[in-house]
Protein backbone atom coordinates (compact mmCIF):
# COMPACT_ATOMS: atom_id res chain seq x y z
CA MET A 1 7.12 -4.50 31.37
CA LYS A 2 4.38 -1.90 30.96
CA ILE A 3 6.46 0.15 28.52
CA GLU A 4 7.53 -2.91 26.50
CA ARG A 5 4.07 -3.65 25.08
CA PRO A 6 3.32 -0.14 23.68
CA ARG A 7 6.80 -0.02 22.11
CA LYS A 8 6.23 -3.32 20.32
CA TYR A 9 2.85 -2.09 19.13
CA ARG A 10 4.34 1.16 17.87
CA THR A 11 7.22 -0.64 16.14
CA ALA A 12 4.81 -3.00 14.38
CA SER A 13 2.57 -0.08 13.46
CA LEU A 14 5.47 1.85 11.93
CA ARG A 15 6.62 -1.24 10.04
CA ILE A 16 3.16 -1.59 8.47
CA THR A 17 2.96 2.11 7.66
CA PHE A 18 6.41 2.35 6.06
CA SER A 19 5.88 -0.85 4.07
CA LEU A 20 2.66 0.48 2.60
CA LEU A 21 4.27 3.87 1.92
CA ALA A 22 7.01 2.09 -0.03
CA PHE A 23 4.36 0.27 -2.05
CA TRP A 24 2.58 3.60 -2.65
CA LEU A 25 5.84 5.09 -3.92
CA LEU A 26 6.34 2.14 -6.26
CA ILE A 27 2.85 2.52 -7.69
CA SER A 28 2.76 6.29 -8.03
CA LEU A 29 6.31 7.13 -9.04
CA GLY A 30 7.46 3.78 -10.36
CA CYS A 31 4.56 2.73 -12.55
CA GLY A 32 3.45 6.24 -13.45
CA VAL A 33 6.80 7.82 -14.33
CA VAL A 34 9.95 5.71 -14.08
CA PHE A 35 8.78 2.41 -15.61
CA ARG A 36 6.11 3.81 -17.93
CA THR A 37 7.91 3.11 -21.21
CA TRP A 38 8.89 -0.39 -20.06
CA LEU A 39 5.27 -1.09 -19.11
CA ASP A 40 4.11 0.22 -22.49
CA ASP A 41 6.53 -2.09 -24.31
CA ASN A 42 6.05 -5.26 -22.26
CA PHE A 43 2.37 -5.32 -21.30
CA PRO A 44 -0.77 -5.38 -23.46
CA THR A 45 -2.89 -2.29 -23.95
CA VAL A 46 -5.93 -1.67 -21.78
CA GLY A 47 -8.71 -0.53 -24.06
CA HIS A 48 -7.00 1.84 -26.47
CA ALA A 49 -4.42 3.11 -23.99
CA PRO A 50 -0.89 1.78 -23.43
CA PHE A 51 -0.48 -0.06 -20.13
CA GLY A 52 1.98 2.47 -18.66
CA PHE A 53 -0.47 5.31 -19.26
CA TRP A 54 -3.30 3.24 -17.81
CA MET A 55 -1.25 2.48 -14.67
CA ALA A 56 -0.44 6.16 -14.24
CA GLN A 57 -4.12 7.08 -14.45
CA GLN A 58 -6.43 4.27 -13.33
CA GLY A 59 -4.10 1.64 -11.91
CA ALA A 60 -2.68 4.03 -9.35
CA ILE A 61 -6.15 4.82 -8.04
CA ILE A 62 -6.97 1.12 -7.73
CA GLY A 63 -3.62 0.58 -6.00
CA PHE A 64 -4.32 3.37 -3.51
CA VAL A 65 -7.71 1.89 -2.63
CA LEU A 66 -6.10 -1.52 -2.11
CA ILE A 67 -3.47 0.08 0.13
CA LEU A 68 -6.21 1.65 2.27
CA ILE A 69 -8.06 -1.65 2.62
CA THR A 70 -4.83 -3.46 3.48
CA TYR A 71 -3.89 -0.83 6.06
CA ALA A 72 -7.27 -1.07 7.76
CA ALA A 73 -7.14 -4.88 7.89
CA LEU A 74 -3.56 -5.04 9.17
CA MET A 75 -4.08 -2.37 11.81
CA ASN A 76 -7.29 -4.03 13.04
CA ARG A 77 -5.39 -7.30 13.41
CA LEU A 78 -2.56 -5.49 15.23
CA ASP A 79 -5.01 -3.71 17.54
CA LYS A 80 -6.62 -7.03 18.49
CA LYS A 81 -3.22 -8.62 19.10
CA TYR A 82 -2.09 -5.89 21.52
CA GLY A 83 -5.46 -5.25 23.17
CA TYR A 84 -6.26 -1.88 21.61
CA SER A 85 -9.34 -3.07 19.76
CA GLU A 86 -12.52 -1.02 20.07
CA GLN A 87 -14.66 -4.15 19.96
CA ALA A 88 -15.71 -5.57 23.31
């Protein structure tokens, strides 16, 4: 029983990490390279730049910051659930 709880925590932690890494891949490679022309054709321009270019430059940075905030919130919730929280 003692080993069961850390394994569940680690499994949930890896699930969160790999999910956010997949989202990071979608933002960085998908929006910046693979889908850039489709984004340029199907979305409005941002300022004077096509949307695909904007996503490759500014949107990716915003996405990365959102990923960091999401990771911190999800891991804090997971820590509290399994009793690893630093708060008393």
